[in-house]
PDB file of N, CA and C in Angstrom:
ATOM      1  N   VAL A   1      62.799  15.365  -1.786  1.00  0.00           N
ATOM      2  CA  VAL A   1      62.488  14.325  -0.828  1.00  0.00           C
ATOM      3  C   VAL A   1      63.691  13.401  -0.702  1.00  0.00           C
ATOM      4  N   GLN A   2      63.944  12.930   0.505  1.00  0.00           N
ATOM      5  CA  GLN A   2      65.026  11.977   0.746  1.00  0.00           C
ATOM      6  C   GLN A   2      64.438  10.671   1.239  1.00  0.00           C
ATOM      7  N   LEU A   3      64.955   9.570   0.701  1.00  0.00           N
ATOM      8  CA  LEU A   3      64.479   8.244   1.061  1.00  0.00           C
ATOM      9  C   LEU A   3      65.623   7.466   1.685  1.00  0.00           C
ATOM     10  N   GLN A   4      65.370   6.854   2.810  1.00  0.00           N
ATOM     11  CA  GLN A   4      66.377   6.073   3.522  1.00  0.00           C
ATOM     12  C   GLN A   4      65.888   4.641   3.646  1.00  0.00           C
ATOM     13  N   ALA A   5      66.510   3.758   2.878  1.00  0.00           N
ATOM     14  CA  ALA A   5      66.141   2.344   2.925  1.00  0.00           C
ATOM     15  C   ALA A   5      66.981   1.609   3.952  1.00  0.00           C
ATOM     16  N   SER A   6      66.372   0.627   4.594  1.00  0.00           N
ATOM     17  CA  SER A   6      67.081  -0.176   5.587  1.00  0.00           C
ATOM     18  C   SER A   6      66.434  -1.544   5.686  1.00  0.00           C
ATOM     19  N   GLY A   7      67.078  -2.434   6.440  1.00  0.00           N
ATOM     20  CA  GLY A   7      66.508  -3.749   6.695  1.00  0.00           C
ATOM     21  C   GLY A   7      67.141  -4.890   5.923  1.00  0.00           C
ATOM     22  N   GLY A   8      68.033  -4.581   5.014  1.00  0.00           N
ATOM     23  CA  GLY A   8      68.691  -5.638   4.267  1.00  0.00           C
ATOM     24  C   GLY A   8      69.642  -6.439   5.141  1.00  0.00           C
ATOM     25  N   GLY A   9      70.117  -7.549   4.608  1.00  0.00           N
ATOM     26  CA  GLY A   9      71.046  -8.379   5.349  1.00  0.00           C
ATOM     27  C   GLY A   9      71.211  -9.727   4.702  1.00  0.00           C
ATOM     28  N   LEU A  10      71.832 -10.614   5.440  1.00  0.00           N
ATOM     29  CA  LEU A  10      72.078 -11.983   4.970  1.00  0.00           C
ATOM     30  C   LEU A  10      71.059 -12.917   5.612  1.00  0.00           C
ATOM     31  N   VAL A  11      70.418 -13.727   4.776  1.00  0.00           N
ATOM     32  CA  VAL A  11      69.403 -14.644   5.280  1.00  0.00           C
ATOM     33  C   VAL A  11      69.495 -15.942   4.488  1.00  0.00           C
ATOM     34  N   GLN A  12      69.128 -17.030   5.124  1.00  0.00           N
ATOM     35  CA  GLN A  12      69.127 -18.312   4.426  1.00  0.00           C
ATOM     36  C   GLN A  12      67.880 -18.445   3.559  1.00  0.00           C
ATOM     37  N   ALA A  13      67.980 -19.251   2.549  1.00  0.00           N
ATOM     38  CA  ALA A  13      66.824 -19.511   1.691  1.00  0.00           C
ATOM     39  C   ALA A  13      65.653 -19.998   2.537  1.00  0.00           C
ATOM     40  N   GLY A  14      64.484 -19.473   2.231  1.00  0.00           N
ATOM     41  CA  GLY A  14      63.294 -19.794   3.004  1.00  0.00           C
ATOM     42  C   GLY A  14      63.023 -18.822   4.130  1.00  0.00           C
ATOM     43  N   GLY A  15      63.983 -17.966   4.415  1.00  0.00           N
ATOM     44  CA  GLY A  15      63.847 -17.012   5.495  1.00  0.00           C
ATOM     45  C   GLY A  15      63.086 -15.761   5.091  1.00  0.00           C
ATOM     46  N   SER A  16      63.036 -14.810   6.030  1.00  0.00           N
ATOM     47  CA  SER A  16      62.270 -13.582   5.835  1.00  0.00           C
ATOM     48  C   SER A  16      63.084 -12.356   6.218  1.00  0.00           C
ATOM     49  N   LEU A  17      62.753 -11.261   5.591  1.00  0.00           N
ATOM     50  CA  LEU A  17      63.284  -9.948   5.934  1.00  0.00           C
ATOM     51  C   LEU A  17      62.187  -8.923   5.709  1.00  0.00           C
ATOM     52  N   ARG A  18      62.282  -7.813   6.416  1.00  0.00           N
ATOM     53  CA  ARG A  18      61.385  -6.696   6.140  1.00  0.00           C
ATOM     54  C   ARG A  18      62.226  -5.463   5.856  1.00  0.00           C
ATOM     55  N   LEU A  19      62.061  -4.944   4.669  1.00  0.00           N
ATOM     56  CA  LEU A  19      62.743  -3.714   4.287  1.00  0.00           C
ATOM     57  C   LEU A  19      61.856  -2.518   4.632  1.00  0.00           C
ATOM     58  N   SER A  20      62.504  -1.441   5.018  1.00  0.00           N
ATOM     59  CA  SER A  20      61.802  -0.192   5.310  1.00  0.00           C
ATOM     60  C   SER A  20      62.395   0.921   4.464  1.00  0.00           C
ATOM     61  N   CYS A  21      61.575   1.879   4.146  1.00  0.00           N
ATOM     62  CA  CYS A  21      62.030   3.053   3.406  1.00  0.00           C
ATOM     63  C   CYS A  21      61.339   4.261   4.015  1.00  0.00           C
ATOM     64  N   ALA A  22      62.088   5.034   4.767  1.00  0.00           N
ATOM     65  CA  ALA A  22      61.552   6.214   5.432  1.00  0.00           C
ATOM     66  C   ALA A  22      61.812   7.453   4.592  1.00  0.00           C
ATOM     67  N   ALA A  23      60.804   8.286   4.484  1.00  0.00           N
ATOM     68  CA  ALA A  23      60.912   9.491   3.662  1.00  0.00           C
ATOM     69  C   ALA A  23      60.962  10.734   4.520  1.00  0.00           C
ATOM     70  N   SER A  24      61.672  11.712   4.047  1.00  0.00           N
ATOM     71  CA  SER A  24      61.684  13.024   4.680  1.00  0.00           C
ATOM     72  C   SER A  24      61.603  14.077   3.586  1.00  0.00           C
ATOM     73  N   GLY A  25      61.007  15.193   3.925  1.00  0.00           N
ATOM     74  CA  GLY A  25      60.910  16.276   2.966  1.00  0.00           C
ATOM     75  C   GLY A  25      59.647  16.272   2.149  1.00  0.00           C
ATOM     76  N   ARG A  26      58.877  15.186   2.228  1.00  0.00           N
ATOM     77  CA  ARG A  26      57.623  15.119   1.508  1.00  0.00           C
ATOM     78  C   ARG A  26      56.741  14.069   2.165  1.00  0.00           C
ATOM     79  N   THR A  27      55.446  14.362   2.234  1.00  0.00           N
ATOM     80  CA  THR A  27      54.505  13.376   2.761  1.00  0.00           C
ATOM     81  C   THR A  27      54.186  12.363   1.673  1.00  0.00           C
ATOM     82  N   LEU A  28      54.339  11.083   2.009  1.00  0.00           N
ATOM     83  CA  LEU A  28      54.161  10.035   1.008  1.00  0.00           C
ATOM     84  C   LEU A  28      52.710   9.628   0.802  1.00  0.00           C
ATOM     85  N   SER A  29      51.825  10.090   1.651  1.00  0.00           N
ATOM     86  CA  SER A  29      50.462   9.557   1.655  1.00  0.00           C
ATOM     87  C   SER A  29      49.737   9.752   0.328  1.00  0.00           C
ATOM     88  N   THR A  30      50.123  10.740  -0.457  1.00  0.00           N
ATOM     89  CA  THR A  30      49.423  11.010  -1.709  1.00  0.00           C
ATOM     90  C   THR A  30      50.220  10.586  -2.933  1.00  0.00           C
ATOM     91  N   TYR A  31      51.229   9.751  -2.727  1.00  0.00           N
ATOM     92  CA  TYR A  31      52.083   9.322  -3.831  1.00  0.00           C
ATOM     93  C   TYR A  31      52.086   7.806  -3.974  1.00  0.00           C
ATOM     94  N   ALA A  32      52.284   7.349  -5.188  1.00  0.00           N
ATOM     95  CA  ALA A  32      52.559   5.947  -5.415  1.00  0.00           C
ATOM     96  C   ALA A  32      54.029   5.690  -5.117  1.00  0.00           C
ATOM     97  N   LEU A  33      54.304   4.522  -4.595  1.00  0.00           N
ATOM     98  CA  LEU A  33      55.647   4.170  -4.162  1.00  0.00           C
ATOM     99  C   LEU A  33      56.026   2.820  -4.735  1.00  0.00           C
ATOM    100  N   GLY A  34      57.302   2.646  -4.979  1.00  0.00           N
ATOM    101  CA  GLY A  34      57.732   1.386  -5.560  1.00  0.00           C
ATOM    102  C   GLY A  34      58.996   0.844  -4.939  1.00  0.00           C
ATOM    103  N   TRP A  35      59.183  -0.452  -5.102  1.00  0.00           N
ATOM    104  CA  TRP A  35      60.428  -1.128  -4.764  1.00  0.00           C
ATOM    105  C   TRP A  35      60.988  -1.746  -6.048  1.00  0.00           C
ATOM    106  N   PHE A  36      62.271  -1.587  -6.217  1.00  0.00           N
ATOM    107  CA  PHE A  36      62.990  -2.163  -7.340  1.00  0.00           C
ATOM    108  C   PHE A  36      64.198  -2.904  -6.798  1.00  0.00           C
ATOM    109  N   ARG A  37      64.828  -3.710  -7.647  1.00  0.00           N
ATOM    110  CA  ARG A  37      66.046  -4.391  -7.210  1.00  0.00           C
ATOM    111  C   ARG A  37      67.000  -4.543  -8.391  1.00  0.00           C
ATOM    112  N   GLN A  38      68.264  -4.636  -8.042  1.00  0.00           N
ATOM    113  CA  GLN A  38      69.290  -4.843  -9.059  1.00  0.00           C
ATOM    114  C   GLN A  38      70.252  -5.902  -8.566  1.00  0.00           C
ATOM    115  N   ALA A  39      70.256  -7.016  -9.251  1.00  0.00           N
ATOM    116  CA  ALA A  39      71.164  -8.110  -8.917  1.00  0.00           C
ATOM    117  C   ALA A  39      72.504  -7.875  -9.600  1.00  0.00           C
ATOM    118  N   PRO A  40      73.562  -8.481  -9.091  1.00  0.00           N
ATOM    119  CA  PRO A  40      74.893  -8.303  -9.699  1.00  0.00           C
ATOM    120  C   PRO A  40      74.888  -8.680 -11.179  1.00  0.00           C
ATOM    121  N   GLY A  41      75.360  -7.763 -12.007  1.00  0.00           N
ATOM    122  CA  GLY A  41      75.459  -8.026 -13.431  1.00  0.00           C
ATOM    123  C   GLY A  41      74.161  -7.926 -14.195  1.00  0.00           C
ATOM    124  N   LYS A  42      73.092  -7.495 -13.522  1.00  0.00           N
ATOM    125  CA  LYS A  42      71.784  -7.406 -14.171  1.00  0.00           C
ATOM    126  C   LYS A  42      71.246  -5.993 -14.094  1.00  0.00           C
ATOM    127  N   GLU A  43      70.240  -5.720 -14.921  1.00  0.00           N
ATOM    128  CA  GLU A  43      69.608  -4.416 -14.889  1.00  0.00           C
ATOM    129  C   GLU A  43      68.625  -4.343 -13.715  1.00  0.00           C
ATOM    130  N   ARG A  44      68.352  -3.127 -13.324  1.00  0.00           N
ATOM    131  CA  ARG A  44      67.370  -2.919 -12.270  1.00  0.00           C
ATOM    132  C   ARG A  44      65.994  -3.360 -12.760  1.00  0.00           C
ATOM    133  N   GLU A  45      65.251  -4.009 -11.868  1.00  0.00           N
ATOM    134  CA  GLU A  45      63.933  -4.492 -12.246  1.00  0.00           C
ATOM    135  C   GLU A  45      62.889  -4.104 -11.206  1.00  0.00           C
ATOM    136  N   PHE A  46      61.669  -4.008 -11.681  1.00  0.00           N
ATOM    137  CA  PHE A  46      60.532  -3.690 -10.819  1.00  0.00           C
ATOM    138  C   PHE A  46      60.221  -4.868  -9.904  1.00  0.00           C
ATOM    139  N   VAL A  47      59.878  -4.568  -8.652  1.00  0.00           N
ATOM    140  CA  VAL A  47      59.500  -5.605  -7.695  1.00  0.00           C
ATOM    141  C   VAL A  47      58.043  -5.439  -7.284  1.00  0.00           C
ATOM    142  N   ALA A  48      57.684  -4.257  -6.793  1.00  0.00           N
ATOM    143  CA  ALA A  48      56.330  -4.037  -6.287  1.00  0.00           C
ATOM    144  C   ALA A  48      56.056  -2.552  -6.230  1.00  0.00           C
ATOM    145  N   ALA A  49      54.767  -2.208  -6.245  1.00  0.00           N
ATOM    146  CA  ALA A  49      54.363  -0.821  -6.123  1.00  0.00           C
ATOM    147  C   ALA A  49      53.059  -0.743  -5.354  1.00  0.00           C
ATOM    148  N   ILE A  50      52.848   0.395  -4.724  1.00  0.00           N
ATOM    149  CA  ILE A  50      51.614   0.626  -3.984  1.00  0.00           C
ATOM    150  C   ILE A  50      51.120   2.020  -4.320  1.00  0.00           C
ATOM    151  N   THR A  51      49.812   2.143  -4.604  1.00  0.00           N
ATOM    152  CA  THR A  51      49.237   3.439  -4.940  1.00  0.00           C
ATOM    153  C   THR A  51      48.967   4.235  -3.676  1.00  0.00           C
ATOM    154  N   TRP A  52      48.605   5.484  -3.882  1.00  0.00           N
ATOM    155  CA  TRP A  52      48.378   6.328  -2.715  1.00  0.00           C
ATOM    156  C   TRP A  52      47.157   5.888  -1.914  1.00  0.00           C
ATOM    157  N   ILE A  53      46.235   5.133  -2.562  1.00  0.00           N
ATOM    158  CA  ILE A  53      45.079   4.641  -1.820  1.00  0.00           C
ATOM    159  C   ILE A  53      45.279   3.199  -1.352  1.00  0.00           C
ATOM    160  N   GLY A  54      46.454   2.630  -1.610  1.00  0.00           N
ATOM    161  CA  GLY A  54      46.774   1.332  -1.045  1.00  0.00           C
ATOM    162  C   GLY A  54      46.699   0.139  -1.976  1.00  0.00           C
ATOM    163  N   GLY A  55      46.329   0.348  -3.229  1.00  0.00           N
ATOM    164  CA  GLY A  55      46.347  -0.757  -4.177  1.00  0.00           C
ATOM    165  C   GLY A  55      47.775  -1.164  -4.492  1.00  0.00           C
ATOM    166  N   SER A  56      48.013  -2.446  -4.750  1.00  0.00           N
ATOM    167  CA  SER A  56      49.377  -2.912  -4.958  1.00  0.00           C
ATOM    168  C   SER A  56      49.498  -3.768  -6.214  1.00  0.00           C
ATOM    169  N   THR A  57      50.702  -3.830  -6.734  1.00  0.00           N
ATOM    170  CA  THR A  57      51.010  -4.668  -7.879  1.00  0.00           C
ATOM    171  C   THR A  57      52.406  -5.239  -7.687  1.00  0.00           C
ATOM    172  N   TYR A  58      52.642  -6.417  -8.272  1.00  0.00           N
ATOM    173  CA  TYR A  58      53.882  -7.141  -8.035  1.00  0.00           C
ATOM    174  C   TYR A  58      54.435  -7.735  -9.325  1.00  0.00           C
ATOM    175  N   ALA A  59      55.734  -7.885  -9.349  1.00  0.00           N
ATOM    176  CA  ALA A  59      56.354  -8.659 -10.414  1.00  0.00           C
ATOM    177  C   ALA A  59      55.947 -10.124 -10.229  1.00  0.00           C
ATOM    178  N   ASP A  60      55.795 -10.841 -11.323  1.00  0.00           N
ATOM    179  CA  ASP A  60      55.379 -12.239 -11.239  1.00  0.00           C
ATOM    180  C   ASP A  60      56.321 -13.075 -10.381  1.00  0.00           C
ATOM    181  N   SER A  61      57.591 -12.741 -10.410  1.00  0.00           N
ATOM    182  CA  SER A  61      58.594 -13.533  -9.705  1.00  0.00           C
ATOM    183  C   SER A  61      58.485 -13.454  -8.186  1.00  0.00           C
ATOM    184  N   VAL A  62      57.749 -12.456  -7.689  1.00  0.00           N
ATOM    185  CA  VAL A  62      57.668 -12.275  -6.230  1.00  0.00           C
ATOM    186  C   VAL A  62      56.250 -12.423  -5.694  1.00  0.00           C
ATOM    187  N   LYS A  63      55.268 -12.595  -6.565  1.00  0.00           N
ATOM    188  CA  LYS A  63      53.879 -12.702  -6.118  1.00  0.00           C
ATOM    189  C   LYS A  63      53.718 -13.841  -5.126  1.00  0.00           C
ATOM    190  N   GLY A  64      53.013 -13.543  -4.046  1.00  0.00           N
ATOM    191  CA  GLY A  64      52.762 -14.551  -3.021  1.00  0.00           C
ATOM    192  C   GLY A  64      53.860 -14.661  -1.982  1.00  0.00           C
ATOM    193  N   ARG A  65      54.992 -14.016  -2.228  1.00  0.00           N
ATOM    194  CA  ARG A  65      56.107 -14.092  -1.270  1.00  0.00           C
ATOM    195  C   ARG A  65      56.466 -12.725  -0.693  1.00  0.00           C
ATOM    196  N   LEU A  66      56.337 -11.680  -1.486  1.00  0.00           N
ATOM    197  CA  LEU A  66      56.681 -10.335  -1.037  1.00  0.00           C
ATOM    198  C   LEU A  66      55.418  -9.497  -0.945  1.00  0.00           C
ATOM    199  N   THR A  67      55.366  -8.638   0.064  1.00  0.00           N
ATOM    200  CA  THR A  67      54.200  -7.787   0.283  1.00  0.00           C
ATOM    201  C   THR A  67      54.648  -6.358   0.542  1.00  0.00           C
ATOM    202  N   ILE A  68      54.096  -5.432  -0.248  1.00  0.00           N
ATOM    203  CA  ILE A  68      54.392  -4.020  -0.051  1.00  0.00           C
ATOM    204  C   ILE A  68      53.282  -3.400   0.785  1.00  0.00           C
ATOM    205  N   SER A  69      53.668  -2.505   1.669  1.00  0.00           N
ATOM    206  CA  SER A  69      52.697  -1.805   2.504  1.00  0.00           C
ATOM    207  C   SER A  69      53.282  -0.451   2.868  1.00  0.00           C
ATOM    208  N   LYS A  70      52.462   0.380   3.445  1.00  0.00           N
ATOM    209  CA  LYS A  70      52.954   1.686   3.875  1.00  0.00           C
ATOM    210  C   LYS A  70      52.259   2.122   5.141  1.00  0.00           C
ATOM    211  N   ASP A  71      52.933   2.967   5.883  1.00  0.00           N
ATOM    212  CA  ASP A  71      52.398   3.563   7.101  1.00  0.00           C
ATOM    213  C   ASP A  71      52.469   5.068   6.906  1.00  0.00           C
ATOM    214  N   ASN A  72      51.333   5.662   6.602  1.00  0.00           N
ATOM    215  CA  ASN A  72      51.324   7.098   6.325  1.00  0.00           C
ATOM    216  C   ASN A  72      51.755   7.911   7.540  1.00  0.00           C
ATOM    217  N   ALA A  73      51.401   7.457   8.725  1.00  0.00           N
ATOM    218  CA  ALA A  73      51.755   8.196   9.937  1.00  0.00           C
ATOM    219  C   ALA A  73      53.271   8.235  10.135  1.00  0.00           C
ATOM    220  N   LYS A  74      53.951   7.174   9.704  1.00  0.00           N
ATOM    221  CA  LYS A  74      55.404   7.117   9.842  1.00  0.00           C
ATOM    222  C   LYS A  74      56.113   7.541   8.557  1.00  0.00           C
ATOM    223  N   ASN A  75      55.327   7.860   7.525  1.00  0.00           N
ATOM    224  CA  ASN A  75      55.911   8.268   6.240  1.00  0.00           C
ATOM    225  C   ASN A  75      56.914   7.218   5.738  1.00  0.00           C
ATOM    226  N   THR A  76      56.500   5.970   5.837  1.00  0.00           N
ATOM    227  CA  THR A  76      57.398   4.852   5.550  1.00  0.00           C
ATOM    228  C   THR A  76      56.689   3.810   4.703  1.00  0.00           C
ATOM    229  N   VAL A  77      57.426   3.252   3.757  1.00  0.00           N
ATOM    230  CA  VAL A  77      56.926   2.136   2.958  1.00  0.00           C
ATOM    231  C   VAL A  77      57.757   0.906   3.299  1.00  0.00           C
ATOM    232  N   TYR A  78      57.109  -0.253   3.285  1.00  0.00           N
ATOM    233  CA  TYR A  78      57.755  -1.496   3.686  1.00  0.00           C
ATOM    234  C   TYR A  78      57.700  -2.524   2.559  1.00  0.00           C
ATOM    235  N   LEU A  79      58.605  -3.467   2.642  1.00  0.00           N
ATOM    236  CA  LEU A  79      58.559  -4.638   1.771  1.00  0.00           C
ATOM    237  C   LEU A  79      58.827  -5.858   2.642  1.00  0.00           C
ATOM    238  N   GLN A  80      57.757  -6.589   2.940  1.00  0.00           N
ATOM    239  CA  GLN A  80      57.889  -7.824   3.704  1.00  0.00           C
ATOM    240  C   GLN A  80      58.263  -8.939   2.724  1.00  0.00           C
ATOM    241  N   MET A  81      59.364  -9.603   3.016  1.00  0.00           N
ATOM    242  CA  MET A  81      59.909 -10.607   2.099  1.00  0.00           C
ATOM    243  C   MET A  81      59.926 -11.957   2.804  1.00  0.00           C
ATOM    244  N   ASN A  82      59.108 -12.878   2.344  1.00  0.00           N
ATOM    245  CA  ASN A  82      59.025 -14.222   2.906  1.00  0.00           C
ATOM    246  C   ASN A  82      59.458 -15.251   1.872  1.00  0.00           C
ATOM    247  N   SER A  83      59.766 -16.439   2.350  1.00  0.00           N
ATOM    248  CA  SER A  83      60.166 -17.551   1.472  1.00  0.00           C
ATOM    249  C   SER A  83      61.237 -17.107   0.489  1.00  0.00           C
ATOM    250  N   LEU A  84      62.237 -16.453   1.002  1.00  0.00           N
ATOM    251  CA  LEU A  84      63.273 -15.889   0.143  1.00  0.00           C
ATOM    252  C   LEU A  84      64.062 -16.973  -0.582  1.00  0.00           C
ATOM    253  N   LYS A  85      64.472 -16.644  -1.793  1.00  0.00           N
ATOM    254  CA  LYS A  85      65.237 -17.555  -2.647  1.00  0.00           C
ATOM    255  C   LYS A  85      66.588 -16.917  -2.980  1.00  0.00           C
ATOM    256  N   PRO A  86      67.580 -17.710  -3.311  1.00  0.00           N
ATOM    257  CA  PRO A  86      68.876 -17.129  -3.703  1.00  0.00           C
ATOM    258  C   PRO A  86      68.747 -16.121  -4.845  1.00  0.00           C
ATOM    259  N   GLU A  87      67.806 -16.330  -5.735  1.00  0.00           N
ATOM    260  CA  GLU A  87      67.634 -15.390  -6.856  1.00  0.00           C
ATOM    261  C   GLU A  87      67.028 -14.056  -6.433  1.00  0.00           C
ATOM    262  N   ASP A  88      66.631 -13.924  -5.167  1.00  0.00           N
ATOM    263  CA  ASP A  88      66.172 -12.638  -4.660  1.00  0.00           C
ATOM    264  C   ASP A  88      67.352 -11.759  -4.222  1.00  0.00           C
ATOM    265  N   THR A  89      68.550 -12.307  -4.246  1.00  0.00           N
ATOM    266  CA  THR A  89      69.730 -11.542  -3.868  1.00  0.00           C
ATOM    267  C   THR A  89      69.908 -10.344  -4.787  1.00  0.00           C
ATOM    268  N   ALA A  90      69.965  -9.151  -4.195  1.00  0.00           N
ATOM    269  CA  ALA A  90      70.057  -7.915  -4.974  1.00  0.00           C
ATOM    270  C   ALA A  90      70.150  -6.732  -4.018  1.00  0.00           C
ATOM    271  N   VAL A  91      70.452  -5.583  -4.589  1.00  0.00           N
ATOM    272  CA  VAL A  91      70.285  -4.326  -3.872  1.00  0.00           C
ATOM    273  C   VAL A  91      68.864  -3.853  -4.145  1.00  0.00           C
ATOM    274  N   TYR A  92      68.153  -3.567  -3.090  1.00  0.00           N
ATOM    275  CA  TYR A  92      66.752  -3.155  -3.196  1.00  0.00           C
ATOM    276  C   TYR A  92      66.648  -1.649  -3.000  1.00  0.00           C
ATOM    277  N   TYR A  93      65.885  -1.021  -3.893  1.00  0.00           N
ATOM    278  CA  TYR A  93      65.702   0.425  -3.871  1.00  0.00           C
ATOM    279  C   TYR A  93      64.228   0.771  -3.747  1.00  0.00           C
ATOM    280  N   CYS A  94      63.931   1.809  -2.969  1.00  0.00           N
ATOM    281  CA  CYS A  94      62.579   2.352  -2.943  1.00  0.00           C
ATOM    282  C   CYS A  94      62.558   3.621  -3.783  1.00  0.00           C
ATOM    283  N   ALA A  95      61.384   3.952  -4.267  1.00  0.00           N
ATOM    284  CA  ALA A  95      61.255   5.105  -5.142  1.00  0.00           C
ATOM    285  C   ALA A  95      59.865   5.712  -5.023  1.00  0.00           C
ATOM    286  N   VAL A  96      59.766   6.999  -5.330  1.00  0.00           N
ATOM    287  CA  VAL A  96      58.508   7.738  -5.292  1.00  0.00           C
ATOM    288  C   VAL A  96      58.099   8.090  -6.715  1.00  0.00           C
ATOM    289  N   TRP A  97      56.861   7.776  -7.047  1.00  0.00           N
ATOM    290  CA  TRP A  97      56.326   8.075  -8.381  1.00  0.00           C
ATOM    291  C   TRP A  97      55.991   9.555  -8.469  1.00  0.00           C
ATOM    292  N   GLY A  98      56.502  10.205  -9.528  1.00  0.00           N
ATOM    293  CA  GLY A  98      56.289  11.635  -9.662  1.00  0.00           C
ATOM    294  C   GLY A  98      55.222  12.021 -10.667  1.00  0.00           C
ATOM    295  N   GLY A  99      54.486  11.041 -11.170  1.00  0.00           N
ATOM    296  CA  GLY A  99      53.432  11.334 -12.123  1.00  0.00           C
ATOM    297  C   GLY A  99      53.689  10.745 -13.486  1.00  0.00           C
ATOM    298  N   SER A 100      54.925  10.813 -13.935  1.00  0.00           N
ATOM    299  CA  SER A 100      55.277  10.221 -15.226  1.00  0.00           C
ATOM    300  C   SER A 100      56.428   9.227 -15.093  1.00  0.00           C
ATOM    301  N   LYS A 101      57.118   9.282 -14.005  1.00  0.00           N
ATOM    302  CA  LYS A 101      58.211   8.344 -13.744  1.00  0.00           C
ATOM    303  C   LYS A 101      58.538   8.386 -12.262  1.00  0.00           C
ATOM    304  N   TYR A 102      59.409   7.458 -11.849  1.00  0.00           N
ATOM    305  CA  TYR A 102      59.880   7.485 -10.463  1.00  0.00           C
ATOM    306  C   TYR A 102      60.959   8.554 -10.365  1.00  0.00           C
ATOM    307  N   ASP A 103      60.658   9.596  -9.586  1.00  0.00           N
ATOM    308  CA  ASP A 103      61.531  10.761  -9.537  1.00  0.00           C
ATOM    309  C   ASP A 103      62.596  10.681  -8.453  1.00  0.00           C
ATOM    310  N   TYR A 104      62.252  10.061  -7.352  1.00  0.00           N
ATOM    311  CA  TYR A 104      63.147  10.059  -6.197  1.00  0.00           C
ATOM    312  C   TYR A 104      63.462   8.616  -5.808  1.00  0.00           C
ATOM    313  N   TRP A 105      64.739   8.397  -5.520  1.00  0.00           N
ATOM    314  CA  TRP A 105      65.226   7.060  -5.214  1.00  0.00           C
ATOM    315  C   TRP A 105      66.015   7.052  -3.914  1.00  0.00           C
ATOM    316  N   GLY A 106      65.838   5.963  -3.168  1.00  0.00           N
ATOM    317  CA  GLY A 106      66.659   5.759  -1.990  1.00  0.00           C
ATOM    318  C   GLY A 106      68.032   5.225  -2.384  1.00  0.00           C
ATOM    319  N   GLN A 107      68.892   5.049  -1.391  1.00  0.00           N
ATOM    320  CA  GLN A 107      70.266   4.658  -1.660  1.00  0.00           C
ATOM    321  C   GLN A 107      70.428   3.151  -1.839  1.00  0.00           C
ATOM    322  N   GLY A 108      69.431   2.387  -1.524  1.00  0.00           N
ATOM    323  CA  GLY A 108      69.504   0.944  -1.693  1.00  0.00           C
ATOM    324  C   GLY A 108      69.941   0.226  -0.431  1.00  0.00           C
ATOM    325  N   THR A 109      69.443  -0.988  -0.285  1.00  0.00           N
ATOM    326  CA  THR A 109      69.843  -1.844   0.831  1.00  0.00           C
ATOM    327  C   THR A 109      70.066  -3.247   0.278  1.00  0.00           C
ATOM    328  N   LEU A 110      71.158  -3.869   0.677  1.00  0.00           N
ATOM    329  CA  LEU A 110      71.566  -5.147   0.097  1.00  0.00           C
ATOM    330  C   LEU A 110      70.894  -6.319   0.805  1.00  0.00           C
ATOM    331  N   VAL A 111      70.286  -7.178   0.011  1.00  0.00           N
ATOM    332  CA  VAL A 111      69.709  -8.427   0.501  1.00  0.00           C
ATOM    333  C   VAL A 111      70.494  -9.580  -0.113  1.00  0.00           C
ATOM    334  N   THR A 112      71.011 -10.449   0.727  1.00  0.00           N
ATOM    335  CA  THR A 112      71.745 -11.618   0.261  1.00  0.00           C
ATOM    336  C   THR A 112      71.071 -12.871   0.810  1.00  0.00           C
ATOM    337  N   VAL A 113      70.669 -13.751  -0.092  1.00  0.00           N
ATOM    338  CA  VAL A 113      69.997 -14.988   0.297  1.00  0.00           C
ATOM    339  C   VAL A 113      70.923 -16.151  -0.019  1.00  0.00           C
ATOM    340  N   SER A 114      71.313 -16.868   1.017  1.00  0.00           N
ATOM    341  CA  SER A 114      72.218 -18.004   0.821  1.00  0.00           C
ATOM    342  C   SER A 114      71.430 -19.303   0.641  1.00  0.00           C
ATOM    343  N   SER A 115      71.994 -20.190  -0.149  1.00  0.00           N
ATOM    344  CA  SER A 115      71.307 -21.461  -0.420  1.00  0.00           C
ATOM    345  C   SER A 115      71.669 -22.524   0.596  1.00  0.00           C
TER     346      SER A 115
END
């Protein structure tokens, strides 16, 4: 499966962005999907995940501001990012859960939040 992430960019603090991750080679409707991020000089961290039936979970740092969703018809997962903070600056990656770990990863999209 190939994942293509997009939607990153430069935004001021308090602003919004919507990230998209389009998949090819596999139907995502029966898989759990996740978003992760890696800030400069830091390890990659979990941001949000959505199960194949639509249940979601979030890192405490993003609860109430970021929302994960998916469109099975478009084979795409989204991350709506509101009330962005400078500490949200990172490369964001989407991933597909393979049963025991995230097996497939997108190439990442850079989000920069200016203060």
